Amino acid sequence: MKLKKQLALLLTSVLLVGILAACGTSEKEDKNTADKEDKKVLVMGTSADYPPFEYVETSKSDEIIGFDIDIAKAIGKN
C-alpha cells in the first residue's frame, strides 16, 4: 500500500513539473515584435452574405461594403 502511494505521489509530481515547465516564458524577443510595436493593425473577419450589414456589389467593385464595414472603419480611425 505504501509503495502505491509513493508511486502515485512521484507520478503526480512529475506531471505537475511538466505542466509548469510548459507554461514558462522565453526571454527571447521575436524579431517581428519590434516592428509591430510601432504600427497597430486591426483585423476584421466577416462573411459578406448579409446585406445591408456586409455585402459585395459586384457590378461596382470587389470591395466589401455595408453597415458593419462602416462601423469597423470608424473604429479603426479612432
PDB file of N, CA and C in Angstrom:
ATOM      1  N   MET A   1       0.814  -1.190   0.000  1.00  0.00           N
ATOM      2  CA  MET A   1       0.000   0.000   0.000  1.00  0.00           C
ATOM      3  C   MET A   1       0.861   1.260   0.000  1.00  0.00           C
ATOM      4  N   LYS A   2       1.888   1.254   0.839  1.00  0.00           N
ATOM      5  CA  LYS A   2       2.737   2.425   0.961  1.00  0.00           C
ATOM      6  C   LYS A   2       3.483   2.692  -0.350  1.00  0.00           C
ATOM      7  N   LEU A   3       3.863   1.627  -1.053  1.00  0.00           N
ATOM      8  CA  LEU A   3       4.568   1.760  -2.319  1.00  0.00           C
ATOM      9  C   LEU A   3       3.672   2.379  -3.383  1.00  0.00           C
ATOM     10  N   LYS A   4       2.394   2.028  -3.372  1.00  0.00           N
ATOM     11  CA  LYS A   4       1.455   2.589  -4.337  1.00  0.00           C
ATOM     12  C   LYS A   4       1.272   4.089  -4.113  1.00  0.00           C
ATOM     13  N   LYS A   5       1.205   4.490  -2.857  1.00  0.00           N
ATOM     14  CA  LYS A   5       1.055   5.909  -2.542  1.00  0.00           C
ATOM     15  C   LYS A   5       2.291   6.694  -2.974  1.00  0.00           C
ATOM     16  N   GLN A   6       3.463   6.124  -2.737  1.00  0.00           N
ATOM     17  CA  GLN A   6       4.701   6.796  -3.129  1.00  0.00           C
ATOM     18  C   GLN A   6       4.807   6.902  -4.653  1.00  0.00           C
ATOM     19  N   LEU A   7       4.424   5.856  -5.341  1.00  0.00           N
ATOM     20  CA  LEU A   7       4.452   5.865  -6.797  1.00  0.00           C
ATOM     21  C   LEU A   7       3.465   6.889  -7.358  1.00  0.00           C
ATOM     22  N   ALA A   8       2.276   6.950  -6.771  1.00  0.00           N
ATOM     23  CA  ALA A   8       1.270   7.925  -7.201  1.00  0.00           C
ATOM     24  C   ALA A   8       1.763   9.350  -6.951  1.00  0.00           C
ATOM     25  N   LEU A   9       2.397   9.576  -5.806  1.00  0.00           N
ATOM     26  CA  LEU A   9       2.943  10.890  -5.480  1.00  0.00           C
ATOM     27  C   LEU A   9       4.058  11.271  -6.446  1.00  0.00           C
ATOM     28  N   LEU A  10       4.911  10.324  -6.780  1.00  0.00           N
ATOM     29  CA  LEU A  10       6.000  10.571  -7.717  1.00  0.00           C
ATOM     30  C   LEU A  10       5.467  10.913  -9.107  1.00  0.00           C
ATOM     31  N   LEU A  11       4.518  10.142  -9.599  1.00  0.00           N
ATOM     32  CA  LEU A  11       3.943  10.404 -10.921  1.00  0.00           C
ATOM     33  C   LEU A  11       3.204  11.742 -10.963  1.00  0.00           C
ATOM     34  N   THR A  12       2.488  12.064  -9.902  1.00  0.00           N
ATOM     35  CA  THR A  12       1.794  13.345  -9.821  1.00  0.00           C
ATOM     36  C   THR A  12       2.786  14.504  -9.823  1.00  0.00           C
ATOM     37  N   SER A  13       3.886  14.346  -9.102  1.00  0.00           N
ATOM     38  CA  SER A  13       4.919  15.390  -9.055  1.00  0.00           C
ATOM     39  C   SER A  13       5.559  15.596 -10.420  1.00  0.00           C
ATOM     40  N   VAL A  14       5.862  14.500 -11.110  1.00  0.00           N
ATOM     41  CA  VAL A  14       6.457  14.594 -12.446  1.00  0.00           C
ATOM     42  C   VAL A  14       5.488  15.277 -13.407  1.00  0.00           C
ATOM     43  N   LEU A  15       4.219  14.927 -13.344  1.00  0.00           N
ATOM     44  CA  LEU A  15       3.211  15.547 -14.193  1.00  0.00           C
ATOM     45  C   LEU A  15       3.074  17.035 -13.898  1.00  0.00           C
ATOM     46  N   LEU A  16       3.070  17.396 -12.637  1.00  0.00           N
ATOM     47  CA  LEU A  16       2.944  18.793 -12.243  1.00  0.00           C
ATOM     48  C   LEU A  16       4.146  19.611 -12.720  1.00  0.00           C
ATOM     49  N   VAL A  17       5.345  19.069 -12.570  1.00  0.00           N
ATOM     50  CA  VAL A  17       6.548  19.763 -13.036  1.00  0.00           C
ATOM     51  C   VAL A  17       6.496  19.932 -14.554  1.00  0.00           C
ATOM     52  N   GLY A  18       6.040  18.923 -15.270  1.00  0.00           N
ATOM     53  CA  GLY A  18       5.928  19.008 -16.724  1.00  0.00           C
ATOM     54  C   GLY A  18       4.949  20.069 -17.168  1.00  0.00           C
ATOM     55  N   ILE A  19       3.821  20.152 -16.488  1.00  0.00           N
ATOM     56  CA  ILE A  19       2.816  21.164 -16.825  1.00  0.00           C
ATOM     57  C   ILE A  19       3.345  22.562 -16.533  1.00  0.00           C
ATOM     58  N   LEU A  20       3.979  22.747 -15.401  1.00  0.00           N
ATOM     59  CA  LEU A  20       4.513  24.067 -15.046  1.00  0.00           C
ATOM     60  C   LEU A  20       5.655  24.480 -15.972  1.00  0.00           C
ATOM     61  N   ALA A  21       6.456  23.532 -16.416  1.00  0.00           N
ATOM     62  CA  ALA A  21       7.547  23.846 -17.339  1.00  0.00           C
ATOM     63  C   ALA A  21       6.998  24.278 -18.687  1.00  0.00           C
ATOM     64  N   ALA A  22       5.886  23.733 -19.107  1.00  0.00           N
ATOM     65  CA  ALA A  22       5.280  24.097 -20.384  1.00  0.00           C
ATOM     66  C   ALA A  22       4.687  25.503 -20.343  1.00  0.00           C
ATOM     67  N   CYS A  23       4.389  25.999 -19.166  1.00  0.00           N
ATOM     68  CA  CYS A  23       3.806  27.334 -19.024  1.00  0.00           C
ATOM     69  C   CYS A  23       4.858  28.426 -18.922  1.00  0.00           C
ATOM     70  N   GLY A  24       6.122  28.079 -18.949  1.00  0.00           N
ATOM     71  CA  GLY A  24       7.186  29.066 -18.816  1.00  0.00           C
ATOM     72  C   GLY A  24       7.257  29.991 -20.012  1.00  0.00           C
ATOM     73  N   THR A  25       7.902  31.135 -19.811  1.00  0.00           N
ATOM     74  CA  THR A  25       8.063  32.094 -20.902  1.00  0.00           C
ATOM     75  C   THR A  25       9.522  32.147 -21.309  1.00  0.00           C
ATOM     76  N   SER A  26       9.724  32.543 -22.526  1.00  0.00           N
ATOM     77  CA  SER A  26      11.071  32.648 -23.056  1.00  0.00           C
ATOM     78  C   SER A  26      11.504  34.113 -23.024  1.00  0.00           C
ATOM     79  N   GLU A  27      12.754  34.352 -22.755  1.00  0.00           N
ATOM     80  CA  GLU A  27      13.282  35.711 -22.717  1.00  0.00           C
ATOM     81  C   GLU A  27      13.649  36.222 -24.097  1.00  0.00           C
ATOM     82  N   LYS A  28      13.608  35.356 -25.089  1.00  0.00           N
ATOM     83  CA  LYS A  28      13.951  35.770 -26.442  1.00  0.00           C
ATOM     84  C   LYS A  28      12.883  36.696 -26.989  1.00  0.00           C
ATOM     85  N   GLU A  29      13.327  37.737 -27.680  1.00  0.00           N
ATOM     86  CA  GLU A  29      12.395  38.675 -28.284  1.00  0.00           C
ATOM     87  C   GLU A  29      12.203  38.308 -29.743  1.00  0.00           C
ATOM     88  N   ASP A  30      10.972  38.281 -30.161  1.00  0.00           N
ATOM     89  CA  ASP A  30      10.666  37.973 -31.550  1.00  0.00           C
ATOM     90  C   ASP A  30      11.127  39.128 -32.429  1.00  0.00           C
ATOM     91  N   LYS A  31      11.733  38.817 -33.568  1.00  0.00           N
ATOM     92  CA  LYS A  31      12.232  39.859 -34.467  1.00  0.00           C
ATOM     93  C   LYS A  31      11.102  40.714 -35.013  1.00  0.00           C
ATOM     94  N   ASN A  32       9.954  40.123 -35.247  1.00  0.00           N
ATOM     95  CA  ASN A  32       8.828  40.866 -35.805  1.00  0.00           C
ATOM     96  C   ASN A  32       8.122  41.710 -34.757  1.00  0.00           C
ATOM     97  N   THR A  33       8.329  41.443 -33.497  1.00  0.00           N
ATOM     98  CA  THR A  33       7.658  42.184 -32.436  1.00  0.00           C
ATOM     99  C   THR A  33       8.090  43.647 -32.414  1.00  0.00           C
ATOM    100  N   ALA A  34       9.347  43.904 -32.624  1.00  0.00           N
ATOM    101  CA  ALA A  34       9.842  45.280 -32.594  1.00  0.00           C
ATOM    102  C   ALA A  34       9.228  46.094 -33.714  1.00  0.00           C
ATOM    103  N   ASP A  35       9.019  45.498 -34.866  1.00  0.00           N
ATOM    104  CA  ASP A  35       8.418  46.224 -35.977  1.00  0.00           C
ATOM    105  C   ASP A  35       6.941  46.480 -35.755  1.00  0.00           C
ATOM    106  N   LYS A  36       6.248  45.557 -35.124  1.00  0.00           N
ATOM    107  CA  LYS A  36       4.814  45.674 -34.931  1.00  0.00           C
ATOM    108  C   LYS A  36       4.438  46.593 -33.779  1.00  0.00           C
ATOM    109  N   GLU A  37       5.368  46.907 -32.900  1.00  0.00           N
ATOM    110  CA  GLU A  37       5.053  47.774 -31.767  1.00  0.00           C
ATOM    111  C   GLU A  37       4.718  49.186 -32.227  1.00  0.00           C
ATOM    112  N   ASP A  38       5.322  49.642 -33.308  1.00  0.00           N
ATOM    113  CA  ASP A  38       5.088  50.990 -33.787  1.00  0.00           C
ATOM    114  C   ASP A  38       3.767  51.102 -34.541  1.00  0.00           C
ATOM    115  N   LYS A  39       3.349  50.051 -35.207  1.00  0.00           N
ATOM    116  CA  LYS A  39       2.159  50.099 -36.040  1.00  0.00           C
ATOM    117  C   LYS A  39       1.143  49.084 -35.529  1.00  0.00           C
ATOM    118  N   LYS A  40      -0.054  49.559 -35.200  1.00  0.00           N
ATOM    119  CA  LYS A  40      -1.115  48.672 -34.744  1.00  0.00           C
ATOM    120  C   LYS A  40      -2.021  48.345 -35.924  1.00  0.00           C
ATOM    121  N   VAL A  41      -2.440  47.094 -35.997  1.00  0.00           N
ATOM    122  CA  VAL A  41      -3.279  46.637 -37.099  1.00  0.00           C
ATOM    123  C   VAL A  41      -4.546  46.027 -36.527  1.00  0.00           C
ATOM    124  N   LEU A  42      -5.687  46.464 -37.044  1.00  0.00           N
ATOM    125  CA  LEU A  42      -6.973  45.904 -36.664  1.00  0.00           C
ATOM    126  C   LEU A  42      -7.416  44.972 -37.783  1.00  0.00           C
ATOM    127  N   VAL A  43      -7.621  43.712 -37.445  1.00  0.00           N
ATOM    128  CA  VAL A  43      -8.041  42.723 -38.429  1.00  0.00           C
ATOM    129  C   VAL A  43      -9.492  42.356 -38.144  1.00  0.00           C
ATOM    130  N   MET A  44     -10.315  42.411 -39.175  1.00  0.00           N
ATOM    131  CA  MET A  44     -11.731  42.112 -39.018  1.00  0.00           C
ATOM    132  C   MET A  44     -12.096  40.961 -39.942  1.00  0.00           C
ATOM    133  N   GLY A  45     -12.788  39.990 -39.416  1.00  0.00           N
ATOM    134  CA  GLY A  45     -13.279  38.881 -40.220  1.00  0.00           C
ATOM    135  C   GLY A  45     -14.778  39.009 -40.390  1.00  0.00           C
ATOM    136  N   THR A  46     -15.260  38.754 -41.590  1.00  0.00           N
ATOM    137  CA  THR A  46     -16.688  38.863 -41.848  1.00  0.00           C
ATOM    138  C   THR A  46     -17.085  37.945 -42.988  1.00  0.00           C
ATOM    139  N   SER A  47     -18.359  37.704 -43.096  1.00  0.00           N
ATOM    140  CA  SER A  47     -18.917  36.965 -44.223  1.00  0.00           C
ATOM    141  C   SER A  47     -19.833  37.929 -44.957  1.00  0.00           C
ATOM    142  N   ALA A  48     -19.498  38.221 -46.188  1.00  0.00           N
ATOM    143  CA  ALA A  48     -20.217  39.259 -46.942  1.00  0.00           C
ATOM    144  C   ALA A  48     -21.484  38.696 -47.579  1.00  0.00           C
ATOM    145  N   ASP A  49     -22.302  38.034 -46.797  1.00  0.00           N
ATOM    146  CA  ASP A  49     -23.523  37.413 -47.316  1.00  0.00           C
ATOM    147  C   ASP A  49     -24.796  38.009 -46.736  1.00  0.00           C
ATOM    148  N   TYR A  50     -24.682  39.050 -45.939  1.00  0.00           N
ATOM    149  CA  TYR A  50     -25.844  39.526 -45.213  1.00  0.00           C
ATOM    150  C   TYR A  50     -26.090  41.024 -45.429  1.00  0.00           C
ATOM    151  N   PRO A  51     -26.646  41.416 -46.575  1.00  0.00           N
ATOM    152  CA  PRO A  51     -26.961  42.823 -46.782  1.00  0.00           C
ATOM    153  C   PRO A  51     -28.055  43.252 -45.810  1.00  0.00           C
ATOM    154  N   PRO A  52     -28.082  44.415 -45.327  1.00  0.00           N
ATOM    155  CA  PRO A  52     -27.246  45.587 -45.580  1.00  0.00           C
ATOM    156  C   PRO A  52     -26.039  45.680 -44.659  1.00  0.00           C
ATOM    157  N   PHE A  53     -25.806  44.647 -43.851  1.00  0.00           N
ATOM    158  CA  PHE A  53     -24.701  44.711 -42.901  1.00  0.00           C
ATOM    159  C   PHE A  53     -23.348  44.586 -43.584  1.00  0.00           C
ATOM    160  N   GLU A  54     -23.185  43.593 -44.430  1.00  0.00           N
ATOM    161  CA  GLU A  54     -21.980  43.476 -45.244  1.00  0.00           C
ATOM    162  C   GLU A  54     -22.323  42.680 -46.495  1.00  0.00           C
ATOM    163  N   TYR A  55     -21.873  43.217 -47.634  1.00  0.00           N
ATOM    164  CA  TYR A  55     -22.137  42.569 -48.905  1.00  0.00           C
ATOM    165  C   TYR A  55     -21.167  43.092 -49.950  1.00  0.00           C
ATOM    166  N   VAL A  56     -21.144  42.432 -51.106  1.00  0.00           N
ATOM    167  CA  VAL A  56     -20.274  42.826 -52.216  1.00  0.00           C
ATOM    168  C   VAL A  56     -21.167  43.194 -53.388  1.00  0.00           C
ATOM    169  N   GLU A  57     -20.999  44.401 -53.888  1.00  0.00           N
ATOM    170  CA  GLU A  57     -21.722  44.836 -55.083  1.00  0.00           C
ATOM    171  C   GLU A  57     -20.813  44.591 -56.274  1.00  0.00           C
ATOM    172  N   THR A  58     -20.951  43.440 -56.909  1.00  0.00           N
ATOM    173  CA  THR A  58     -20.013  43.026 -57.954  1.00  0.00           C
ATOM    174  C   THR A  58     -20.089  43.906 -59.193  1.00  0.00           C
ATOM    175  N   SER A  59     -21.182  44.626 -59.393  1.00  0.00           N
ATOM    176  CA  SER A  59     -21.268  45.498 -60.564  1.00  0.00           C
ATOM    177  C   SER A  59     -20.355  46.720 -60.434  1.00  0.00           C
ATOM    178  N   LYS A  60     -20.022  47.107 -59.207  1.00  0.00           N
ATOM    179  CA  LYS A  60     -19.165  48.281 -58.988  1.00  0.00           C
ATOM    180  C   LYS A  60     -17.712  47.880 -58.711  1.00  0.00           C
ATOM    181  N   SER A  61     -17.503  46.968 -57.747  1.00  0.00           N
ATOM    182  CA  SER A  61     -16.143  46.542 -57.399  1.00  0.00           C
ATOM    183  C   SER A  61     -16.221  45.263 -56.561  1.00  0.00           C
ATOM    184  N   ASP A  62     -15.054  44.762 -56.192  1.00  0.00           N
ATOM    185  CA  ASP A  62     -14.994  43.569 -55.338  1.00  0.00           C
ATOM    186  C   ASP A  62     -14.848  43.927 -53.870  1.00  0.00           C
ATOM    187  N   GLU A  63     -14.988  45.201 -53.535  1.00  0.00           N
ATOM    188  CA  GLU A  63     -14.840  45.659 -52.158  1.00  0.00           C
ATOM    189  C   GLU A  63     -16.092  45.324 -51.352  1.00  0.00           C
ATOM    190  N   ILE A  64     -15.871  44.890 -50.115  1.00  0.00           N
ATOM    191  CA  ILE A  64     -16.986  44.590 -49.218  1.00  0.00           C
ATOM    192  C   ILE A  64     -17.490  45.908 -48.649  1.00  0.00           C
ATOM    193  N   ILE A  65     -18.797  46.118 -48.720  1.00  0.00           N
ATOM    194  CA  ILE A  65     -19.401  47.350 -48.209  1.00  0.00           C
ATOM    195  C   ILE A  65     -20.548  46.996 -47.285  1.00  0.00           C
ATOM    196  N   GLY A  66     -21.032  47.986 -46.538  1.00  0.00           N
ATOM    197  CA  GLY A  66     -22.177  47.775 -45.668  1.00  0.00           C
ATOM    198  C   GLY A  66     -22.012  48.447 -44.321  1.00  0.00           C
ATOM    199  N   PHE A  67     -23.020  48.292 -43.502  1.00  0.00           N
ATOM    200  CA  PHE A  67     -23.094  48.935 -42.198  1.00  0.00           C
ATOM    201  C   PHE A  67     -21.970  48.495 -41.271  1.00  0.00           C
ATOM    202  N   ASP A  68     -21.732  47.192 -41.189  1.00  0.00           N
ATOM    203  CA  ASP A  68     -20.664  46.677 -40.324  1.00  0.00           C
ATOM    204  C   ASP A  68     -19.293  47.174 -40.773  1.00  0.00           C
ATOM    205  N   ILE A  69     -19.087  47.270 -42.055  1.00  0.00           N
ATOM    206  CA  ILE A  69     -17.814  47.738 -42.594  1.00  0.00           C
ATOM    207  C   ILE A  69     -17.595  49.208 -42.243  1.00  0.00           C
ATOM    208  N   ASP A  70     -18.670  50.006 -42.344  1.00  0.00           N
ATOM    209  CA  ASP A  70     -18.572  51.427 -41.968  1.00  0.00           C
ATOM    210  C   ASP A  70     -18.232  51.584 -40.486  1.00  0.00           C
ATOM    211  N   ILE A  71     -18.836  50.763 -39.648  1.00  0.00           N
ATOM    212  CA  ILE A  71     -18.547  50.812 -38.211  1.00  0.00           C
ATOM    213  C   ILE A  71     -17.083  50.424 -37.951  1.00  0.00           C
ATOM    214  N   ALA A  72     -16.611  49.386 -38.606  1.00  0.00           N
ATOM    215  CA  ALA A  72     -15.231  48.947 -38.420  1.00  0.00           C
ATOM    216  C   ALA A  72     -14.241  50.016 -38.873  1.00  0.00           C
ATOM    217  N   LYS A  73     -14.533  50.700 -39.964  1.00  0.00           N
ATOM    218  CA  LYS A  73     -13.667  51.792 -40.434  1.00  0.00           C
ATOM    219  C   LYS A  73     -13.653  52.954 -39.442  1.00  0.00           C
ATOM    220  N   ALA A  74     -14.813  53.256 -38.854  1.00  0.00           N
ATOM    221  CA  ALA A  74     -14.873  54.340 -37.861  1.00  0.00           C
ATOM    222  C   ALA A  74     -14.097  53.972 -36.610  1.00  0.00           C
ATOM    223  N   ILE A  75     -14.191  52.730 -36.186  1.00  0.00           N
ATOM    224  CA  ILE A  75     -13.421  52.267 -35.027  1.00  0.00           C
ATOM    225  C   ILE A  75     -11.930  52.311 -35.339  1.00  0.00           C
ATOM    226  N   GLY A  76     -11.566  51.919 -36.553  1.00  0.00           N
ATOM    227  CA  GLY A  76     -10.169  51.925 -36.964  1.00  0.00           C
ATOM    228  C   GLY A  76      -9.551  53.315 -36.969  1.00  0.00           C
ATOM    229  N   LYS A  77     -10.335  54.323 -37.299  1.00  0.00           N
ATOM    230  CA  LYS A  77      -9.822  55.695 -37.296  1.00  0.00           C
ATOM    231  C   LYS A  77      -9.501  56.174 -35.886  1.00  0.00           C
ATOM    232  N   ASN A  78     -10.310  55.724 -34.916  1.00  0.00           N
ATOM    233  CA  ASN A  78     -10.075  56.132 -33.532  1.00  0.00           C
ATOM    234  C   ASN A  78      -8.956  55.328 -32.938  1.00  0.00           C
TER     235      ASN A  78
END
